[in-house]
Structures are given as structure tokens and as C-alpha cells.
């Protein structure tokens, strides 16, 4: 089973970005709101850059064409992940 089939089993109405399946983190669930597919921001920017864009161009393209492209109630979202070394509490100083 591929990721699109897996997501369609959850909800066939979820909207996906063509060519960015490897950037999918999962499905967001929040009390009282519709679920939607969530993409990894950094991976989306890297994928845009792999098509010949500079980082600045990739971010600008993302902001205008991907992040702000509302296409209905199941429009995908984007998450900025926090590196593990930041989320792990350092050992106490004795």
C-alpha cells in the first residue's frame, strides 16, 4: 500500500500535493475541527529547491503557491519540525 492509498482509507476527500508524497508527515486531528494532511515544511522547501530554485525562490514559491493556496476544507497544512536536540531537556547541573 502506498501513502496515497493509506490516506484515502482515512478520508478519500483529503487533498494532497502532487509530487510531494515523500514530504507527508501524517494527518492532523484536533478537537472540533476537520482532519487534514500535514507536510514537513523543510522537506517541501528542499523539494522546491530540487527543481532548480534557490532557497529564497523556493520559500517565496511555497508562501504564495502552496502555503496560501486554500482549496477547500481539506486543504493540507505545513509543520515546522523541532530538532530532537532542542526538545530533549539537558541533564541538571550539579
C-alpha atoms as a PDB file:
ATOM      1  CA  UNK A   1       0.000   0.000   0.000  1.00  0.00           C
ATOM      2  CA  UNK A   2       1.348   3.439  -0.869  1.00  0.00           C
ATOM      3  CA  UNK A   3       0.874   6.580   1.203  1.00  0.00           C
ATOM      4  CA  UNK A   4      -1.925   7.916  -1.001  1.00  0.00           C
ATOM      5  CA  UNK A   5      -3.918   4.715  -0.573  1.00  0.00           C
ATOM      6  CA  UNK A   6      -3.285   4.773   3.165  1.00  0.00           C
ATOM      7  CA  UNK A   7      -4.508   8.366   3.439  1.00  0.00           C
ATOM      8  CA  UNK A   8      -7.522   7.652   1.199  1.00  0.00           C
ATOM      9  CA  UNK A   9      -8.510   4.894   3.629  1.00  0.00           C
ATOM     10  CA  UNK A  10      -8.634   7.534   6.385  1.00  0.00           C
ATOM     11  CA  UNK A  11     -10.569  10.025   4.269  1.00  0.00           C
ATOM     12  CA  UNK A  12     -10.816   9.931   0.467  1.00  0.00           C
ATOM     13  CA  UNK A  13     -11.598  13.674   0.433  1.00  0.00           C
ATOM     14  CA  UNK A  14      -8.207  14.721   1.810  1.00  0.00           C
ATOM     15  CA  UNK A  15      -6.345  16.942  -0.638  1.00  0.00           C
ATOM     16  CA  UNK A  16      -2.737  16.122  -1.497  1.00  0.00           C
ATOM     17  CA  UNK A  17       0.007  17.980  -3.347  1.00  0.00           C
ATOM     18  CA  UNK A  18       1.184  16.176  -6.471  1.00  0.00           C
ATOM     19  CA  UNK A  19       4.847  15.197  -6.340  1.00  0.00           C
ATOM     20  CA  UNK A  20       5.271  15.786  -2.595  1.00  0.00           C
ATOM     21  CA  UNK A  21       4.264  12.409  -1.132  1.00  0.00           C
ATOM     22  CA  UNK A  22       7.710  11.999   0.441  1.00  0.00           C
ATOM     23  CA  UNK A  23       7.110  15.235   2.396  1.00  0.00           C
ATOM     24  CA  UNK A  24       3.968  13.987   4.194  1.00  0.00           C
ATOM     25  CA  UNK A  25       4.219  13.775   7.985  1.00  0.00           C
ATOM     26  CA  UNK A  26       0.732  12.456   8.645  1.00  0.00           C
ATOM     27  CA  UNK A  27      -2.812  13.547   9.404  1.00  0.00           C
ATOM     28  CA  UNK A  28      -3.706  16.286  11.880  1.00  0.00           C
ATOM     29  CA  UNK A  29      -6.523  15.740  14.328  1.00  0.00           C
ATOM     30  CA  UNK A  30      -7.776  18.494  16.590  1.00  0.00           C
ATOM     31  CA  UNK A  31     -10.912  18.656  18.704  1.00  0.00           C
ATOM     32  CA  UNK A  32     -13.788  20.265  16.859  1.00  0.00           C
ATOM     33  CA  UNK A  33     -12.024  20.705  13.515  1.00  0.00           C
ATOM     34  CA  UNK A  34     -11.689  18.729  10.318  1.00  0.00           C
ATOM     35  CA  UNK A  35      -8.679  16.490   9.856  1.00  0.00           C
ATOM     36  CA  UNK A  36      -6.175  17.281   7.112  1.00  0.00           C
ATOM     37  CA  UNK A  37      -2.857  16.057   5.747  1.00  0.00           C
ATOM     38  CA  UNK A  38       0.241  17.739   7.146  1.00  0.00           C
ATOM     39  CA  UNK A  39       3.502  18.204   5.234  1.00  0.00           C
ATOM     40  CA  UNK A  40       7.017  18.812   6.545  1.00  0.00           C
ATOM     41  CA  UNK A  41       7.888  22.445   5.737  1.00  0.00           C
ATOM     42  CA  UNK A  42      11.632  21.802   5.394  1.00  0.00           C
ATOM     43  CA  UNK A  43      11.092  18.852   3.053  1.00  0.00           C
ATOM     44  CA  UNK A  44       8.717  20.881   0.876  1.00  0.00           C
ATOM     45  CA  UNK A  45      11.262  23.706   0.598  1.00  0.00           C
ATOM     46  CA  UNK A  46      14.022  21.185  -0.222  1.00  0.00           C
ATOM     47  CA  UNK A  47      11.794  19.583  -2.878  1.00  0.00           C
ATOM     48  CA  UNK A  48      11.122  23.003  -4.415  1.00  0.00           C
ATOM     49  CA  UNK A  49      14.876  23.652  -4.452  1.00  0.00           C
ATOM     50  CA  UNK A  50      15.466  20.283  -6.146  1.00  0.00           C
ATOM     51  CA  UNK A  51      13.562  21.728  -9.101  1.00  0.00           C
ATOM     52  CA  UNK A  52      16.235  24.382  -9.599  1.00  0.00           C
ATOM     53  CA  UNK A  53      15.054  27.131  -7.271  1.00  0.00           C
ATOM     54  CA  UNK A  54      17.309  28.980  -4.871  1.00  0.00           C
ATOM     55  CA  UNK A  55      16.261  28.803  -1.217  1.00  0.00           C
ATOM     56  CA  UNK A  56      14.786  32.297  -1.443  1.00  0.00           C
ATOM     57  CA  UNK A  57      12.825  31.368  -4.584  1.00  0.00           C
ATOM     58  CA  UNK A  58      11.670  28.100  -3.003  1.00  0.00           C
ATOM     59  CA  UNK A  59      10.373  29.881   0.102  1.00  0.00           C
ATOM     60  CA  UNK A  60       8.651  32.580  -1.956  1.00  0.00           C
ATOM     61  CA  UNK A  61       7.066  29.963  -4.220  1.00  0.00           C
ATOM     62  CA  UNK A  62       5.963  27.979  -1.158  1.00  0.00           C
ATOM     63  CA  UNK A  63       4.435  31.004   0.575  1.00  0.00           C
ATOM     64  CA  UNK A  64       2.459  32.124  -2.473  1.00  0.00           C
ATOM     65  CA  UNK A  65       1.565  28.853  -4.238  1.00  0.00           C
ATOM     66  CA  UNK A  66       1.484  26.188  -1.546  1.00  0.00           C
ATOM     67  CA  UNK A  67       1.016  27.595   1.944  1.00  0.00           C
ATOM     68  CA  UNK A  68      -1.602  30.197   0.950  1.00  0.00           C
ATOM     69  CA  UNK A  69      -3.422  28.078  -1.625  1.00  0.00           C
ATOM     70  CA  UNK A  70      -6.727  27.367   0.134  1.00  0.00           C
ATOM     71  CA  UNK A  71      -8.549  24.763  -1.954  1.00  0.00           C
ATOM     72  CA  UNK A  72     -11.327  23.715   0.395  1.00  0.00           C
ATOM     73  CA  UNK A  73     -11.955  22.245   3.811  1.00  0.00           C
ATOM     74  CA  UNK A  74      -9.306  19.531   3.413  1.00  0.00           C
ATOM     75  CA  UNK A  75      -6.514  21.875   2.296  1.00  0.00           C
ATOM     76  CA  UNK A  76      -3.169  20.484   3.516  1.00  0.00           C
ATOM     77  CA  UNK A  77      -1.138  22.144   6.250  1.00  0.00           C
ATOM     78  CA  UNK A  78       2.577  22.512   6.904  1.00  0.00           C
ATOM     79  CA  UNK A  79       4.585  21.856  10.057  1.00  0.00           C
ATOM     80  CA  UNK A  80       7.967  23.152  11.091  1.00  0.00           C
ATOM     81  CA  UNK A  81       9.607  20.330  12.998  1.00  0.00           C
ATOM     82  CA  UNK A  82      11.742  20.954  16.068  1.00  0.00           C
ATOM     83  CA  UNK A  83      15.109  19.143  16.143  1.00  0.00           C
ATOM     84  CA  UNK A  84      15.417  16.478  18.857  1.00  0.00           C
ATOM     85  CA  UNK A  85      18.402  18.158  20.462  1.00  0.00           C
ATOM     86  CA  UNK A  86      16.190  21.140  21.255  1.00  0.00           C
ATOM     87  CA  UNK A  87      13.280  19.144  22.635  1.00  0.00           C
ATOM     88  CA  UNK A  88      15.333  16.954  24.969  1.00  0.00           C
ATOM     89  CA  UNK A  89      15.910  18.525  28.376  1.00  0.00           C
ATOM     90  CA  UNK A  90      19.615  18.762  29.252  1.00  0.00           C
ATOM     91  CA  UNK A  91      20.754  16.961  32.398  1.00  0.00           C
ATOM     92  CA  UNK A  92      20.608  19.103  35.538  1.00  0.00           C
ATOM     93  CA  UNK A  93      23.801  20.892  36.576  1.00  0.00           C
ATOM     94  CA  UNK A  94      25.013  19.661  39.975  1.00  0.00           C
END
